[in-house]
Amino acid sequence: MSVHLAEPVETPVIETDILIIGAGPSGLYGAYYAGFRGLRVTVMDVLPQCGGQISAMYPEKPIFDIAGFPSVRGRDLVDSLVAQAAPYDVRYLLGERAEDLAHDHDGHPVVRTDRGTVVRAGAVVITGGVGTFTPRPLPAGEGYLGRGQVYFVPDPAEHTGHDVVVVGGGDSAFDWAALLAPIARSVTLVHRTARFRAHAASVEKARALGIEIVTDSEVSAIHGESGVERVEVRHRVEKTTRLLPARTVVAALGFLADLGPLQTWGLELQARRIAVDTRMATNLPRVFAAGDITDYPGKVRLISVGFGEAATAVNNAATVIDPEAALFPGHSTEKES
């Protein structure tokens, strides 16, 4: 166990019972549960909005594995989670990255952000998903980012009537292609092999929508004056090339995850994820974790699993903050609304 003592600070310190680092679905549900338990809760995230990867990557994408919802749009799920926590006066520190973690002389975690904000908490719950993520670049797209080449499609309407080329073979690539097909002039998906990482159902849906799928090929060049106008696609085996009309190129080549400053906090890590026990406790005192960032035997990375882990983490954190508190506070239906 590695515990650092916090240095005295002159800036105002935010006092909170629970600091949640990460405003994705797990973090937002944890905020609700902390408020439900009567705890003061602060949520911090490096992104300028709530929702984590959902808001950044697929706000319009339907999500099918949330219990009780046959299908829910990503943006709507985030809005509902924020509304669920709203009655408890959650404090949000958005656009701030947690830089340093130390413990004061009373054993309370003290977190300092890259903007100089200092938060002293009774406990910390880390729900940072996969950490800070950056898109894998499209080599041929250098110079066209923001001029027709994008990594995300937060507002599909911006691409109405466009010829669109989507590059990639994973779920995100097929999701973007299917989302844009009804409103785009044309959608072509380009992948470097004939094998896809996406679910077979997603591939079949793309075919049913009339999306052209070009395999064993890669985007070798992008042409255009003020923005994207044409995309050159080169067959990797036959070495032939073809030009596709395009105003939008969506590079869906995956992401590089980086735990950033978390790696220096003394947390026990397993394959770049935080090791936790059955209480969702880390090796550091008063520090818990939940969601995709955690690792333990049998871990399943689903949003629905993250919800349960967040509740487990908050309930166990509550007993650390107040040893006389009950681990299980009762059901929400037992309390007056």
Protein backbone atom coordinates (compact mmCIF):
# COMPACT_ATOMS: atom_id res chain seq x y z
CA MET A 1 0.00 0.00 0.00
CA SER A 2 1.36 3.40 -1.01
CA VAL A 3 -0.14 6.39 0.81
CA HIS A 4 1.07 9.95 0.32
CA LEU A 5 0.34 12.72 2.82
CA ALA A 6 -1.24 15.80 1.31
CA GLU A 7 0.65 19.06 1.54
CA PRO A 8 -1.21 22.00 3.14
CA VAL A 9 -2.98 24.10 0.51
CA GLU A 10 -3.88 27.78 0.43
CA THR A 11 -6.63 27.54 -2.18
CA PRO A 12 -10.20 26.93 -0.99
CA VAL A 13 -10.90 23.24 -0.48
CA ILE A 14 -14.15 21.62 -1.55
CA GLU A 15 -15.40 19.33 1.21
CA THR A 16 -17.52 16.37 0.15
CA ASP A 17 -18.49 12.97 1.49
CA ILE A 18 -17.88 11.11 -1.76
CA LEU A 19 -15.87 12.25 -4.77
CA ILE A 20 -16.70 10.32 -7.92
CA ILE A 21 -14.02 10.56 -10.62
CA GLY A 22 -15.71 9.88 -13.95
CA ALA A 23 -19.10 11.13 -15.15
CA GLY A 24 -20.01 8.16 -17.31
CA PRO A 25 -23.03 5.93 -16.61
CA SER A 26 -21.44 4.19 -13.61
CA GLY A 27 -20.34 7.47 -12.08
CA LEU A 28 -23.73 9.12 -12.59
CA TYR A 29 -25.55 6.18 -11.03
CA GLY A 30 -23.07 6.27 -8.17
CA ALA A 31 -23.92 9.96 -7.70
CA TYR A 32 -27.60 9.10 -7.42
CA TYR A 33 -26.91 6.33 -4.93
CA ALA A 34 -24.66 8.51 -2.78
CA GLY A 35 -27.35 11.17 -2.70
CA PHE A 36 -29.97 8.56 -1.89
CA ARG A 37 -27.86 7.64 1.12
CA GLY A 38 -27.82 11.26 2.27
CA LEU A 39 -24.18 11.85 1.37
CA ARG A 40 -22.74 14.97 -0.19
CA VAL A 41 -21.41 13.99 -3.59
CA THR A 42 -19.09 15.64 -6.09
CA VAL A 43 -18.54 14.31 -9.63
CA MET A 44 -15.38 15.15 -11.56
CA ASP A 45 -14.60 14.46 -15.21
CA VAL A 46 -11.98 15.60 -17.69
CA LEU A 47 -14.66 15.92 -20.40
CA PRO A 48 -16.76 19.10 -20.49
CA GLN A 49 -20.05 17.20 -20.34
CA CYS A 50 -21.54 14.23 -18.50
CA GLY A 51 -21.83 10.84 -20.15
CA GLY A 52 -18.24 9.72 -20.67
CA GLN A 53 -17.70 7.70 -23.82
CA ILE A 54 -21.42 7.69 -24.60
CA SER A 55 -21.56 11.48 -24.96
CA ALA A 56 -18.21 11.68 -26.74
CA MET A 57 -18.56 8.74 -29.09
CA TYR A 58 -22.12 7.58 -29.67
CA PRO A 59 -24.78 9.90 -28.20
CA GLU A 60 -27.30 8.96 -30.91
CA LYS A 61 -26.60 5.23 -30.87
CA PRO A 62 -29.33 2.95 -29.51
CA ILE A 63 -28.17 0.84 -26.54
CA PHE A 64 -29.86 -2.52 -26.12
CA ASP A 65 -28.37 -4.03 -22.95
CA ILE A 66 -29.81 -1.73 -20.25
CA ALA A 67 -32.22 -3.64 -18.02
CA GLY A 68 -35.82 -2.54 -18.53
CA PHE A 69 -35.13 -0.69 -21.79
CA PRO A 70 -35.49 -2.69 -25.02
CA SER A 71 -33.63 0.21 -26.63
CA VAL A 72 -32.46 3.57 -25.32
CA ARG A 73 -30.54 6.27 -27.17
CA GLY A 74 -27.20 7.07 -25.57
CA ARG A 75 -28.02 10.75 -25.09
CA ASP A 76 -31.34 9.89 -23.45
CA LEU A 77 -29.70 7.44 -21.06
CA VAL A 78 -27.24 10.10 -19.91
CA ASP A 79 -29.98 12.71 -19.52
CA SER A 80 -32.04 10.29 -17.42
CA LEU A 81 -29.09 9.44 -15.17
CA VAL A 82 -28.38 13.14 -14.59
CA ALA A 83 -32.06 13.74 -13.82
CA GLN A 84 -32.10 10.78 -11.42
CA ALA A 85 -29.27 12.32 -9.39
CA ALA A 86 -30.54 15.91 -9.66
CA PRO A 87 -32.69 15.93 -6.46
CA TYR A 88 -29.53 15.42 -4.39
CA ASP A 89 -27.72 18.63 -5.39
CA VAL A 90 -24.74 16.91 -6.97
CA ARG A 91 -21.74 19.19 -7.50
CA TYR A 92 -20.12 18.73 -10.93
CA LEU A 93 -16.51 19.61 -11.72
CA LEU A 94 -16.43 19.10 -15.49
CA GLY A 95 -13.47 19.81 -17.72
CA GLU A 96 -11.10 19.07 -14.85
CA ARG A 97 -8.67 16.17 -14.70
CA ALA A 98 -7.79 14.55 -11.39
CA GLU A 99 -4.00 14.98 -11.20
CA ASP A 100 -2.86 14.09 -7.68
CA LEU A 101 -4.24 11.90 -4.91
CA ALA A 102 -2.92 12.02 -1.37
CA HIS A 103 -4.29 11.46 2.14
CA ASP A 104 -4.39 14.10 4.86
CA HIS A 105 -3.39 13.43 8.47
CA ASP A 106 -6.94 12.24 9.21
CA GLY A 107 -6.70 9.67 6.44
CA HIS A 108 -9.11 11.46 4.10
CA PRO A 109 -8.33 11.43 0.36
CA VAL A 110 -7.36 14.80 -1.09
CA VAL A 111 -7.51 15.21 -4.88
CA ARG A 112 -6.04 18.13 -6.81
CA THR A 113 -7.07 18.80 -10.41
CA ASP A 114 -5.14 20.20 -13.36
CA ARG A 115 -6.97 23.50 -12.81
CA GLY A 116 -5.87 23.75 -9.20
CA THR A 117 -9.15 22.72 -7.60
CA VAL A 118 -8.68 20.77 -4.36
CA VAL A 119 -11.29 18.31 -3.10
CA ARG A 120 -11.18 16.64 0.32
CA ALA A 121 -13.47 13.63 0.49
CA GLY A 122 -14.59 11.03 2.96
CA ALA A 123 -14.04 8.50 0.17
CA VAL A 124 -13.24 8.43 -3.53
CA VAL A 125 -14.95 6.24 -6.13
CA ILE A 126 -13.10 6.02 -9.46
CA THR A 127 -15.43 5.32 -12.40
CA GLY A 128 -13.21 6.56 -15.20
CA GLY A 129 -14.14 3.94 -17.79
CA VAL A 130 -10.98 3.18 -19.74
CA GLY A 131 -9.28 6.39 -18.62
CA THR A 132 -8.48 9.14 -21.10
CA PHE A 133 -9.05 7.89 -24.63
CA THR A 134 -7.79 9.26 -27.93
CA PRO A 135 -8.86 8.08 -31.39
CA ARG A 136 -6.43 6.14 -33.53
CA PRO A 137 -5.54 8.49 -36.39
CA LEU A 138 -6.23 7.85 -40.05
CA PRO A 139 -2.80 8.39 -41.70
CA ALA A 140 -4.30 9.52 -44.99
CA GLY A 141 -6.55 11.98 -43.19
CA GLU A 142 -3.76 14.19 -41.86
CA GLY A 143 -4.69 17.79 -42.53
CA TYR A 144 -8.40 17.06 -43.04
CA LEU A 145 -9.44 16.68 -39.42
CA GLY A 146 -12.26 19.16 -38.87
CA ARG A 147 -12.51 19.70 -42.64
CA GLY A 148 -14.61 16.66 -43.39
CA GLN A 149 -12.67 14.01 -41.49
CA VAL A 150 -14.16 13.20 -38.06
CA TYR A 151 -13.83 10.57 -35.36
CA PHE A 152 -17.33 10.93 -33.86
CA VAL A 153 -20.80 11.74 -35.12
CA PRO A 154 -22.49 13.57 -32.23
CA ASP A 155 -25.00 15.24 -34.57
CA PRO A 156 -25.90 13.06 -37.57
CA ALA A 157 -27.93 15.89 -39.14
CA GLU A 158 -24.69 17.71 -39.96
CA HIS A 159 -23.98 15.03 -42.56
CA THR A 160 -27.38 15.06 -44.29
CA GLY A 161 -27.00 14.68 -48.05
CA HIS A 162 -23.27 13.92 -47.83
CA ASP A 163 -21.36 11.12 -49.49
CA VAL A 164 -19.86 9.41 -46.44
CA VAL A 165 -16.93 7.02 -46.18
CA VAL A 166 -16.59 5.15 -42.88
CA VAL A 167 -13.22 3.52 -42.19
CA GLY A 168 -13.06 0.56 -39.80
CA GLY A 169 -14.48 -2.87 -39.08
CA GLY A 170 -15.64 -2.68 -35.49
CA ASP A 171 -19.02 -2.02 -33.91
CA SER A 172 -18.53 1.75 -33.94
CA ALA A 173 -17.81 1.78 -37.67
CA PHE A 174 -20.95 -0.19 -38.47
CA ASP A 175 -23.02 1.82 -35.98
CA TRP A 176 -21.98 5.12 -37.57
CA ALA A 177 -22.64 3.74 -41.05
CA ALA A 178 -26.12 2.48 -40.12
CA LEU A 179 -26.94 5.74 -38.35
CA LEU A 180 -25.99 7.87 -41.37
CA ALA A 181 -27.41 5.65 -44.12
CA PRO A 182 -31.00 7.02 -43.94
CA ILE A 183 -29.92 10.67 -44.27
CA ALA A 184 -26.68 10.55 -46.29
CA ARG A 185 -26.51 10.59 -50.06
CA SER A 186 -24.35 7.47 -49.91
CA VAL A 187 -22.43 5.50 -47.30
CA THR A 188 -19.42 3.31 -48.05
CA LEU A 189 -17.58 1.34 -45.37
CA VAL A 190 -13.92 0.52 -45.99
CA HIS A 191 -12.04 -2.12 -43.99
CA ARG A 192 -8.55 -3.50 -44.42
CA THR A 193 -9.62 -7.17 -44.16
CA ALA A 194 -12.68 -9.27 -44.93
CA ARG A 195 -13.09 -10.11 -41.25
CA PHE A 196 -14.92 -7.73 -38.94
CA ARG A 197 -14.75 -7.16 -35.20
CA ALA A 198 -18.36 -6.00 -35.26
CA HIS A 199 -21.24 -8.27 -34.33
CA ALA A 200 -22.62 -10.28 -37.25
CA ALA A 201 -26.03 -8.66 -36.75
CA SER A 202 -24.49 -5.21 -37.23
CA VAL A 203 -22.85 -6.32 -40.48
CA GLU A 204 -26.11 -7.77 -41.79
CA LYS A 205 -27.98 -4.60 -40.87
CA ALA A 206 -25.49 -2.53 -42.85
CA ARG A 207 -25.91 -4.75 -45.88
CA ALA A 208 -29.71 -4.56 -45.58
CA LEU A 209 -29.49 -0.75 -45.56
CA GLY A 210 -27.65 -0.83 -48.90
CA ILE A 211 -24.32 0.28 -47.47
CA GLU A 212 -21.44 -0.64 -49.78
CA ILE A 213 -18.79 -2.59 -47.86
CA VAL A 214 -15.32 -2.53 -49.39
CA THR A 215 -12.96 -5.12 -47.87
CA ASP A 216 -9.25 -5.89 -48.12
CA SER A 217 -8.79 -2.17 -48.79
CA GLU A 218 -7.60 0.97 -47.08
CA VAL A 219 -7.92 4.70 -47.58
CA SER A 220 -4.65 5.67 -49.22
CA ALA A 221 -5.35 9.35 -49.80
CA ILE A 222 -7.93 12.08 -49.34
CA HIS A 223 -8.34 14.86 -51.89
CA GLY A 224 -10.01 18.26 -51.73
CA GLU A 225 -9.26 21.95 -51.56
CA SER A 226 -11.20 23.48 -48.67
CA GLY A 227 -12.33 20.09 -47.35
CA VAL A 228 -12.85 16.45 -48.23
CA GLU A 229 -14.07 15.94 -51.81
CA ARG A 230 -12.77 12.52 -52.83
CA VAL A 231 -11.32 9.48 -51.13
CA GLU A 232 -8.79 7.20 -52.76
CA VAL A 233 -9.20 3.54 -51.77
CA ARG A 234 -6.44 1.04 -52.49
CA HIS A 235 -6.96 -2.74 -52.60
CA ARG A 236 -4.29 -4.31 -50.41
CA VAL A 237 -3.90 -7.46 -52.56
CA GLU A 238 -4.65 -6.38 -56.12
CA LYS A 239 -2.99 -2.95 -55.61
CA THR A 240 -5.76 -1.31 -57.64
CA THR A 241 -7.24 2.05 -56.61
CA ARG A 242 -10.62 3.73 -56.98
CA LEU A 243 -11.89 7.20 -56.18
CA LEU A 244 -15.03 7.65 -54.10
CA PRO A 245 -16.94 10.92 -53.80
CA ALA A 246 -17.00 12.04 -50.16
CA ARG A 247 -17.73 15.07 -48.01
CA THR A 248 -17.41 13.18 -44.75
CA VAL A 249 -14.85 10.59 -43.69
CA VAL A 250 -15.50 8.89 -40.35
CA ALA A 251 -12.34 7.29 -38.97
CA ALA A 252 -13.56 4.54 -36.65
CA LEU A 253 -10.26 2.78 -36.08
CA GLY A 254 -10.50 2.33 -32.34
CA PHE A 255 -8.98 4.24 -29.46
CA LEU A 256 -5.84 4.40 -27.38
CA ALA A 257 -6.63 4.36 -23.67
CA ASP A 258 -4.41 6.09 -21.14
CA LEU A 259 -4.89 5.97 -17.39
CA GLY A 260 -2.90 9.20 -17.16
CA PRO A 261 -2.12 10.45 -13.63
CA LEU A 262 -3.97 7.50 -12.06
CA GLN A 263 -0.91 5.40 -12.83
CA THR A 264 1.14 7.39 -10.29
CA TRP A 265 -1.30 7.15 -7.38
CA GLY A 266 -0.05 3.83 -6.04
CA LEU A 267 -3.11 1.88 -7.16
CA GLU A 268 -2.68 -1.83 -7.83
CA LEU A 269 -3.16 -2.25 -11.57
CA GLN A 270 -3.89 -5.35 -13.61
CA ALA A 271 -3.53 -5.03 -17.38
CA ARG A 272 -3.99 -1.24 -17.14
CA ARG A 273 -7.11 -1.56 -14.99
CA ILE A 274 -7.65 -1.04 -11.26
CA ALA A 275 -7.73 -4.17 -9.11
CA VAL A 276 -10.64 -4.27 -6.66
CA ASP A 277 -12.05 -6.73 -4.15
CA THR A 278 -15.68 -7.77 -3.66
CA ARG A 279 -16.39 -4.43 -1.92
CA MET A 280 -15.05 -2.62 -4.99
CA ALA A 281 -12.26 -1.37 -2.72
CA THR A 282 -8.79 -0.71 -4.13
CA ASN A 283 -5.52 -1.22 -2.28
CA LEU A 284 -5.60 2.43 -1.14
CA PRO A 285 -7.60 3.39 1.96
CA ARG A 286 -10.97 5.05 1.31
CA VAL A 287 -10.53 4.63 -2.45
CA PHE A 288 -13.00 2.49 -4.39
CA ALA A 289 -13.60 1.91 -8.10
CA ALA A 290 -16.44 0.73 -10.34
CA GLY A 291 -17.23 0.24 -14.02
CA ASP A 292 -15.01 -0.61 -16.96
CA ILE A 293 -11.86 0.67 -15.26
CA THR A 294 -11.94 -2.16 -12.69
CA ASP A 295 -10.61 -5.69 -12.90
CA TYR A 296 -11.28 -8.83 -10.89
CA PRO A 297 -11.76 -12.53 -11.71
CA GLY A 298 -14.84 -13.01 -13.85
CA LYS A 299 -15.23 -9.32 -14.71
CA VAL A 300 -17.86 -8.58 -17.38
CA ARG A 301 -17.68 -5.11 -18.92
CA LEU A 302 -21.26 -3.97 -19.44
CA ILE A 303 -22.97 -0.73 -18.47
CA SER A 304 -25.49 -2.74 -16.45
CA VAL A 305 -22.68 -4.39 -14.47
CA GLY A 306 -21.16 -0.97 -13.80
CA PHE A 307 -24.41 0.20 -12.24
CA GLY A 308 -24.28 -2.62 -9.69
CA GLU A 309 -20.60 -2.04 -9.00
CA ALA A 310 -21.23 1.67 -8.40
CA ALA A 311 -23.94 0.86 -5.83
CA THR A 312 -21.62 -1.64 -4.14
CA ALA A 313 -18.77 0.86 -4.04
CA VAL A 314 -20.92 3.67 -2.63
CA ASN A 315 -22.51 1.48 0.04
CA ASN A 316 -19.16 0.20 1.22
CA ALA A 317 -17.68 3.69 1.10
CA ALA A 318 -20.56 4.88 3.31
CA THR A 319 -19.55 2.42 6.04
CA VAL A 320 -15.96 3.66 5.88
CA ILE A 321 -17.09 7.28 6.19
CA ASP A 322 -19.41 6.38 9.09
CA PRO A 323 -18.60 3.02 10.72
CA GLU A 324 -22.06 3.03 12.36
CA ALA A 325 -23.84 3.29 9.00
CA ALA A 326 -25.58 0.19 7.65
CA LEU A 327 -24.07 -1.40 4.56
CA PHE A 328 -27.52 -1.76 2.99
CA PRO A 329 -29.68 1.33 3.46
CA GLY A 330 -32.93 -0.31 2.37
CA HIS A 331 -34.82 -0.11 -0.89
CA SER A 332 -35.69 3.20 -2.52
CA THR A 333 -39.37 2.16 -2.46
CA GLU A 334 -39.23 2.22 1.34
CA LYS A 335 -38.51 5.96 1.36
CA GLU A 336 -40.95 8.74 0.69
CA SER A 337 -40.44 10.47 -2.62
